[in-house]
PDB file of N, CA and C in Angstrom:
ATOM      1  N   MET A   1      44.903 -29.421  -7.721  1.00  0.00           N
ATOM      2  CA  MET A   1      45.027 -28.104  -8.291  1.00  0.00           C
ATOM      3  C   MET A   1      44.339 -28.058  -9.645  1.00  0.00           C
ATOM      4  N   SER A   2      44.078 -26.874 -10.112  1.00  0.00           N
ATOM      5  CA  SER A   2      43.408 -26.733 -11.397  1.00  0.00           C
ATOM      6  C   SER A   2      44.390 -26.674 -12.556  1.00  0.00           C
ATOM      7  N   ASP A   3      45.689 -26.870 -12.304  1.00  0.00           N
ATOM      8  CA  ASP A   3      46.686 -26.838 -13.372  1.00  0.00           C
ATOM      9  C   ASP A   3      46.730 -28.138 -14.154  1.00  0.00           C
ATOM     10  N   ASN A   4      45.948 -29.112 -13.774  1.00  0.00           N
ATOM     11  CA  ASN A   4      45.935 -30.413 -14.432  1.00  0.00           C
ATOM     12  C   ASN A   4      45.266 -30.269 -15.798  1.00  0.00           C
ATOM     13  N   PRO A   5      45.979 -30.476 -16.910  1.00  0.00           N
ATOM     14  CA  PRO A   5      45.377 -30.307 -18.235  1.00  0.00           C
ATOM     15  C   PRO A   5      44.327 -31.366 -18.544  1.00  0.00           C
ATOM     16  N   GLY A   6      44.353 -32.489 -17.850  1.00  0.00           N
ATOM     17  CA  GLY A   6      43.367 -33.534 -18.117  1.00  0.00           C
ATOM     18  C   GLY A   6      42.032 -33.271 -17.445  1.00  0.00           C
ATOM     19  N   ALA A   7      42.023 -32.373 -16.457  1.00  0.00           N
ATOM     20  CA  ALA A   7      40.776 -32.087 -15.740  1.00  0.00           C
ATOM     21  C   ALA A   7      39.976 -31.056 -16.525  1.00  0.00           C
ATOM     22  N   THR A   8      38.800 -31.400 -16.880  1.00  0.00           N
ATOM     23  CA  THR A   8      37.916 -30.468 -17.574  1.00  0.00           C
ATOM     24  C   THR A   8      36.671 -30.269 -16.728  1.00  0.00           C
ATOM     25  N   HIS A   9      36.167 -29.095 -16.799  1.00  0.00           N
ATOM     26  CA  HIS A   9      34.940 -28.786 -16.068  1.00  0.00           C
ATOM     27  C   HIS A   9      33.774 -28.962 -17.027  1.00  0.00           C
ATOM     28  N   ALA A  10      32.924 -29.894 -16.712  1.00  0.00           N
ATOM     29  CA  ALA A  10      31.774 -30.153 -17.577  1.00  0.00           C
ATOM     30  C   ALA A  10      30.733 -29.064 -17.357  1.00  0.00           C
ATOM     31  N   GLN A  11      30.184 -28.584 -18.455  1.00  0.00           N
ATOM     32  CA  GLN A  11      29.134 -27.587 -18.365  1.00  0.00           C
ATOM     33  C   GLN A  11      27.825 -28.299 -18.042  1.00  0.00           C
ATOM     34  N   PRO A  12      27.058 -27.778 -17.065  1.00  0.00           N
ATOM     35  CA  PRO A  12      25.797 -28.448 -16.727  1.00  0.00           C
ATOM     36  C   PRO A  12      24.852 -28.457 -17.920  1.00  0.00           C
ATOM     37  N   LYS A  13      24.084 -29.517 -18.030  1.00  0.00           N
ATOM     38  CA  LYS A  13      23.161 -29.660 -19.156  1.00  0.00           C
ATOM     39  C   LYS A  13      21.745 -29.861 -18.644  1.00  0.00           C
ATOM     40  N   ASN A  14      20.810 -29.382 -19.424  1.00  0.00           N
ATOM     41  CA  ASN A  14      19.412 -29.595 -19.070  1.00  0.00           C
ATOM     42  C   ASN A  14      18.960 -30.934 -19.641  1.00  0.00           C
ATOM     43  N   PRO A  15      17.733 -31.385 -19.348  1.00  0.00           N
ATOM     44  CA  PRO A  15      17.300 -32.717 -19.795  1.00  0.00           C
ATOM     45  C   PRO A  15      17.351 -32.937 -21.306  1.00  0.00           C
ATOM     46  N   SER A  16      17.269 -31.875 -22.105  1.00  0.00           N
ATOM     47  CA  SER A  16      17.308 -32.066 -23.557  1.00  0.00           C
ATOM     48  C   SER A  16      18.728 -32.286 -24.063  1.00  0.00           C
ATOM     49  N   GLY A  17      19.740 -32.119 -23.213  1.00  0.00           N
ATOM     50  CA  GLY A  17      21.118 -32.369 -23.609  1.00  0.00           C
ATOM     51  C   GLY A  17      21.882 -31.127 -24.001  1.00  0.00           C
ATOM     52  N   SER A  18      21.207 -29.988 -24.156  1.00  0.00           N
ATOM     53  CA  SER A  18      21.924 -28.771 -24.515  1.00  0.00           C
ATOM     54  C   SER A  18      22.440 -28.093 -23.244  1.00  0.00           C
ATOM     55  N   PRO A  19      23.543 -27.369 -23.355  1.00  0.00           N
ATOM     56  CA  PRO A  19      24.101 -26.720 -22.158  1.00  0.00           C
ATOM     57  C   PRO A  19      23.161 -25.658 -21.613  1.00  0.00           C
ATOM     58  N   ILE A  20      23.188 -25.496 -20.297  1.00  0.00           N
ATOM     59  CA  ILE A  20      22.380 -24.467 -19.648  1.00  0.00           C
ATOM     60  C   ILE A  20      23.096 -23.138 -19.834  1.00  0.00           C
ATOM     61  N   LYS A  21      22.371 -22.131 -20.287  1.00  0.00           N
ATOM     62  CA  LYS A  21      22.965 -20.820 -20.498  1.00  0.00           C
ATOM     63  C   LYS A  21      23.115 -20.124 -19.152  1.00  0.00           C
ATOM     64  N   ARG A  22      24.261 -19.514 -18.958  1.00  0.00           N
ATOM     65  CA  ARG A  22      24.542 -18.825 -17.700  1.00  0.00           C
ATOM     66  C   ARG A  22      24.522 -17.314 -17.913  1.00  0.00           C
ATOM     67  N   GLY A  23      23.606 -16.807 -18.695  1.00  0.00           N
ATOM     68  CA  GLY A  23      23.523 -15.376 -18.953  1.00  0.00           C
ATOM     69  C   GLY A  23      22.780 -14.677 -17.829  1.00  0.00           C
ATOM     70  N   SER A  24      22.212 -13.548 -18.158  1.00  0.00           N
ATOM     71  CA  SER A  24      21.455 -12.816 -17.146  1.00  0.00           C
ATOM     72  C   SER A  24      20.165 -13.577 -16.839  1.00  0.00           C
ATOM     73  N   PRO A  25      19.735 -13.542 -15.590  1.00  0.00           N
ATOM     74  CA  PRO A  25      18.517 -14.266 -15.231  1.00  0.00           C
ATOM     75  C   PRO A  25      17.296 -13.622 -15.883  1.00  0.00           C
ATOM     76  N   PRO A  26      16.269 -14.388 -16.139  1.00  0.00           N
ATOM     77  CA  PRO A  26      15.070 -13.801 -16.746  1.00  0.00           C
ATOM     78  C   PRO A  26      14.415 -12.825 -15.782  1.00  0.00           C
ATOM     79  N   ARG A  27      13.773 -11.853 -16.342  1.00  0.00           N
ATOM     80  CA  ARG A  27      13.122 -10.844 -15.504  1.00  0.00           C
ATOM     81  C   ARG A  27      11.781 -11.383 -15.041  1.00  0.00           C
ATOM     82  N   ARG A  28      11.766 -11.904 -13.849  1.00  0.00           N
ATOM     83  CA  ARG A  28      10.547 -12.494 -13.301  1.00  0.00           C
ATOM     84  C   ARG A  28       9.855 -11.590 -12.302  1.00  0.00           C
ATOM     85  N   TRP A  29      10.428 -10.418 -12.011  1.00  0.00           N
ATOM     86  CA  TRP A  29       9.814  -9.572 -10.999  1.00  0.00           C
ATOM     87  C   TRP A  29       8.413  -9.118 -11.390  1.00  0.00           C
ATOM     88  N   PRO A  30       8.082  -8.883 -12.665  1.00  0.00           N
ATOM     89  CA  PRO A  30       6.687  -8.533 -12.963  1.00  0.00           C
ATOM     90  C   PRO A  30       5.724  -9.670 -12.616  1.00  0.00           C
ATOM     91  N   LEU A  31       6.150 -10.906 -12.829  1.00  0.00           N
ATOM     92  CA  LEU A  31       5.317 -12.052 -12.474  1.00  0.00           C
ATOM     93  C   LEU A  31       5.113 -12.106 -10.967  1.00  0.00           C
ATOM     94  N   TYR A  32       6.201 -11.961 -10.219  1.00  0.00           N
ATOM     95  CA  TYR A  32       6.096 -11.996  -8.757  1.00  0.00           C
ATOM     96  C   TYR A  32       5.265 -10.829  -8.242  1.00  0.00           C
ATOM     97  N   LEU A  33       5.431  -9.652  -8.819  1.00  0.00           N
ATOM     98  CA  LEU A  33       4.650  -8.489  -8.411  1.00  0.00           C
ATOM     99  C   LEU A  33       3.168  -8.722  -8.686  1.00  0.00           C
ATOM    100  N   GLY A  34       2.852  -9.291  -9.836  1.00  0.00           N
ATOM    101  CA  GLY A  34       1.460  -9.592 -10.156  1.00  0.00           C
ATOM    102  C   GLY A  34       0.853 -10.596  -9.197  1.00  0.00           C
ATOM    103  N   LEU A  35       1.634 -11.613  -8.824  1.00  0.00           N
ATOM    104  CA  LEU A  35       1.132 -12.603  -7.867  1.00  0.00           C
ATOM    105  C   LEU A  35       0.890 -11.979  -6.498  1.00  0.00           C
ATOM    106  N   VAL A  36       1.757 -11.069  -6.082  1.00  0.00           N
ATOM    107  CA  VAL A  36       1.566 -10.391  -4.793  1.00  0.00           C
ATOM    108  C   VAL A  36       0.315  -9.519  -4.833  1.00  0.00           C
ATOM    109  N   VAL A  37       0.112  -8.798  -5.927  1.00  0.00           N
ATOM    110  CA  VAL A  37      -1.076  -7.946  -6.052  1.00  0.00           C
ATOM    111  C   VAL A  37      -2.342  -8.793  -6.020  1.00  0.00           C
ATOM    112  N   ILE A  38      -2.350  -9.906  -6.723  1.00  0.00           N
ATOM    113  CA  ILE A  38      -3.519 -10.789  -6.722  1.00  0.00           C
ATOM    114  C   ILE A  38      -3.764 -11.343  -5.326  1.00  0.00           C
ATOM    115  N   ALA A  39      -2.703 -11.730  -4.614  1.00  0.00           N
ATOM    116  CA  ALA A  39      -2.859 -12.254  -3.256  1.00  0.00           C
ATOM    117  C   ALA A  39      -3.438 -11.191  -2.328  1.00  0.00           C
ATOM    118  N   VAL A  40      -2.974  -9.952  -2.442  1.00  0.00           N
ATOM    119  CA  VAL A  40      -3.500  -8.871  -1.603  1.00  0.00           C
ATOM    120  C   VAL A  40      -4.965  -8.616  -1.921  1.00  0.00           C
ATOM    121  N   LEU A  41      -5.331  -8.639  -3.187  1.00  0.00           N
ATOM    122  CA  LEU A  41      -6.732  -8.432  -3.558  1.00  0.00           C
ATOM    123  C   LEU A  41      -7.624  -9.549  -3.034  1.00  0.00           C
ATOM    124  N   ILE A  42      -7.146 -10.779  -3.065  1.00  0.00           N
ATOM    125  CA  ILE A  42      -7.933 -11.901  -2.546  1.00  0.00           C
ATOM    126  C   ILE A  42      -8.133 -11.755  -1.044  1.00  0.00           C
ATOM    127  N   VAL A  43      -7.071 -11.412  -0.322  1.00  0.00           N
ATOM    128  CA  VAL A  43      -7.192 -11.227   1.132  1.00  0.00           C
ATOM    129  C   VAL A  43      -8.128 -10.067   1.438  1.00  0.00           C
ATOM    130  N   ALA A  44      -8.037  -8.973   0.696  1.00  0.00           N
ATOM    131  CA  ALA A  44      -8.914  -7.827   0.925  1.00  0.00           C
ATOM    132  C   ALA A  44     -10.364  -8.186   0.626  1.00  0.00           C
ATOM    133  N   TYR A  45     -10.599  -8.995  -0.394  1.00  0.00           N
ATOM    134  CA  TYR A  45     -11.965  -9.392  -0.738  1.00  0.00           C
ATOM    135  C   TYR A  45     -12.560 -10.283   0.349  1.00  0.00           C
ATOM    136  N   ILE A  46     -11.768 -11.226   0.838  1.00  0.00           N
ATOM    137  CA  ILE A  46     -12.270 -12.149   1.856  1.00  0.00           C
ATOM    138  C   ILE A  46     -12.456 -11.431   3.186  1.00  0.00           C
ATOM    139  N   ASP A  47     -11.491 -10.614   3.581  1.00  0.00           N
ATOM    140  CA  ASP A  47     -11.504 -10.005   4.908  1.00  0.00           C
ATOM    141  C   ASP A  47     -12.340  -8.731   4.959  1.00  0.00           C
ATOM    142  N   GLY A  48     -12.460  -8.018   3.882  1.00  0.00           N
ATOM    143  CA  GLY A  48     -13.080  -6.695   3.928  1.00  0.00           C
ATOM    144  C   GLY A  48     -14.462  -6.636   3.325  1.00  0.00           C
ATOM    145  N   GLY A  49     -15.263  -7.653   3.541  1.00  0.00           N
ATOM    146  CA  GLY A  49     -16.612  -7.648   2.994  1.00  0.00           C
ATOM    147  C   GLY A  49     -17.475  -6.559   3.613  1.00  0.00           C
ATOM    148  N   GLN A  50     -18.529  -6.203   2.918  1.00  0.00           N
ATOM    149  CA  GLN A  50     -19.415  -5.169   3.433  1.00  0.00           C
ATOM    150  C   GLN A  50     -20.256  -5.714   4.568  1.00  0.00           C
ATOM    151  N   GLU A  51     -20.512  -4.844   5.529  1.00  0.00           N
ATOM    152  CA  GLU A  51     -21.382  -5.190   6.642  1.00  0.00           C
ATOM    153  C   GLU A  51     -22.639  -4.341   6.525  1.00  0.00           C
ATOM    154  N   PRO A  52     -23.769  -4.865   6.993  1.00  0.00           N
ATOM    155  CA  PRO A  52     -24.998  -4.075   6.919  1.00  0.00           C
ATOM    156  C   PRO A  52     -24.904  -2.828   7.806  1.00  0.00           C
ATOM    157  N   ILE A  53     -25.565  -1.774   7.348  1.00  0.00           N
ATOM    158  CA  ILE A  53     -25.569  -0.528   8.107  1.00  0.00           C
ATOM    159  C   ILE A  53     -26.564  -0.665   9.251  1.00  0.00           C
ATOM    160  N   ARG A  54     -26.096  -0.377  10.450  1.00  0.00           N
ATOM    161  CA  ARG A  54     -26.966  -0.429  11.624  1.00  0.00           C
ATOM    162  C   ARG A  54     -27.194   0.993  12.098  1.00  0.00           C
ATOM    163  N   PRO A  55     -28.445   1.373  12.320  1.00  0.00           N
ATOM    164  CA  PRO A  55     -28.697   2.731  12.812  1.00  0.00           C
ATOM    165  C   PRO A  55     -28.188   2.880  14.252  1.00  0.00           C
ATOM    166  N   ILE A  56     -27.666   4.047  14.538  1.00  0.00           N
ATOM    167  CA  ILE A  56     -27.210   4.336  15.895  1.00  0.00           C
ATOM    168  C   ILE A  56     -28.401   4.895  16.660  1.00  0.00           C
ATOM    169  N   ILE A  57     -28.873   4.133  17.613  1.00  0.00           N
ATOM    170  CA  ILE A  57     -30.037   4.556  18.393  1.00  0.00           C
ATOM    171  C   ILE A  57     -29.591   4.729  19.836  1.00  0.00           C
ATOM    172  N   GLU A  58     -29.572   5.984  20.244  1.00  0.00           N
ATOM    173  CA  GLU A  58     -29.286   6.292  21.641  1.00  0.00           C
ATOM    174  C   GLU A  58     -29.916   7.636  21.959  1.00  0.00           C
ATOM    175  N   PRO A  59     -30.353   7.796  23.183  1.00  0.00           N
ATOM    176  CA  PRO A  59     -31.001   9.071  23.543  1.00  0.00           C
ATOM    177  C   PRO A  59     -29.977  10.214  23.560  1.00  0.00           C
ATOM    178  N   VAL A  60     -30.443  11.364  23.108  1.00  0.00           N
ATOM    179  CA  VAL A  60     -29.600  12.554  23.091  1.00  0.00           C
ATOM    180  C   VAL A  60     -30.271  13.609  23.952  1.00  0.00           C
ATOM    181  N   ALA A  61     -29.551  14.115  24.913  1.00  0.00           N
ATOM    182  CA  ALA A  61     -30.100  15.161  25.786  1.00  0.00           C
ATOM    183  C   ALA A  61     -30.058  16.483  25.034  1.00  0.00           C
ATOM    184  N   MET A  62     -31.234  17.079  24.852  1.00  0.00           N
ATOM    185  CA  MET A  62     -31.338  18.354  24.151  1.00  0.00           C
ATOM    186  C   MET A  62     -31.222  19.482  25.173  1.00  0.00           C
ATOM    187  N   PRO A  63     -30.398  20.443  24.895  1.00  0.00           N
ATOM    188  CA  PRO A  63     -30.301  21.565  25.835  1.00  0.00           C
ATOM    189  C   PRO A  63     -31.571  22.418  25.767  1.00  0.00           C
ATOM    190  N   THR A  64     -31.987  22.876  26.901  1.00  0.00           N
ATOM    191  CA  THR A  64     -33.187  23.732  26.935  1.00  0.00           C
ATOM    192  C   THR A  64     -32.744  25.179  26.874  1.00  0.00           C
ATOM    193  N   SER A  65     -33.450  25.939  26.075  1.00  0.00           N
ATOM    194  CA  SER A  65     -33.145  27.373  26.002  1.00  0.00           C
ATOM    195  C   SER A  65     -34.205  28.116  26.800  1.00  0.00           C
ATOM    196  N   GLU A  66     -33.798  29.074  27.566  1.00  0.00           N
ATOM    197  CA  GLU A  66     -34.700  29.786  28.472  1.00  0.00           C
ATOM    198  C   GLU A  66     -35.625  30.734  27.726  1.00  0.00           C
ATOM    199  N   GLY A  67     -35.221  31.287  26.623  1.00  0.00           N
ATOM    200  CA  GLY A  67     -36.034  32.289  25.953  1.00  0.00           C
ATOM    201  C   GLY A  67     -36.911  31.724  24.848  1.00  0.00           C
ATOM    202  N   ALA A  68     -36.843  30.475  24.553  1.00  0.00           N
ATOM    203  CA  ALA A  68     -37.596  29.903  23.431  1.00  0.00           C
ATOM    204  C   ALA A  68     -38.988  29.503  23.868  1.00  0.00           C
ATOM    205  N   GLN A  69     -39.923  29.578  22.936  1.00  0.00           N
ATOM    206  CA  GLN A  69     -41.291  29.188  23.257  1.00  0.00           C
ATOM    207  C   GLN A  69     -41.714  27.988  22.481  1.00  0.00           C
TER     208      GLN A  69
END
């Protein structure tokens, strides 16, 4: 049970010996959002390169008009 006065809960410590702060987590979402945007841009650059323009060459049937000369 936790009613034992001799039992103490040690606070976790980082390598420098100071206790780890258990406050609010750092706001890392801008970093993650930036990494996602960069990843999308890299994929778009690799996958969406320009292709040369090829002319469309195919015969087109022109309608004949009866009254034209």
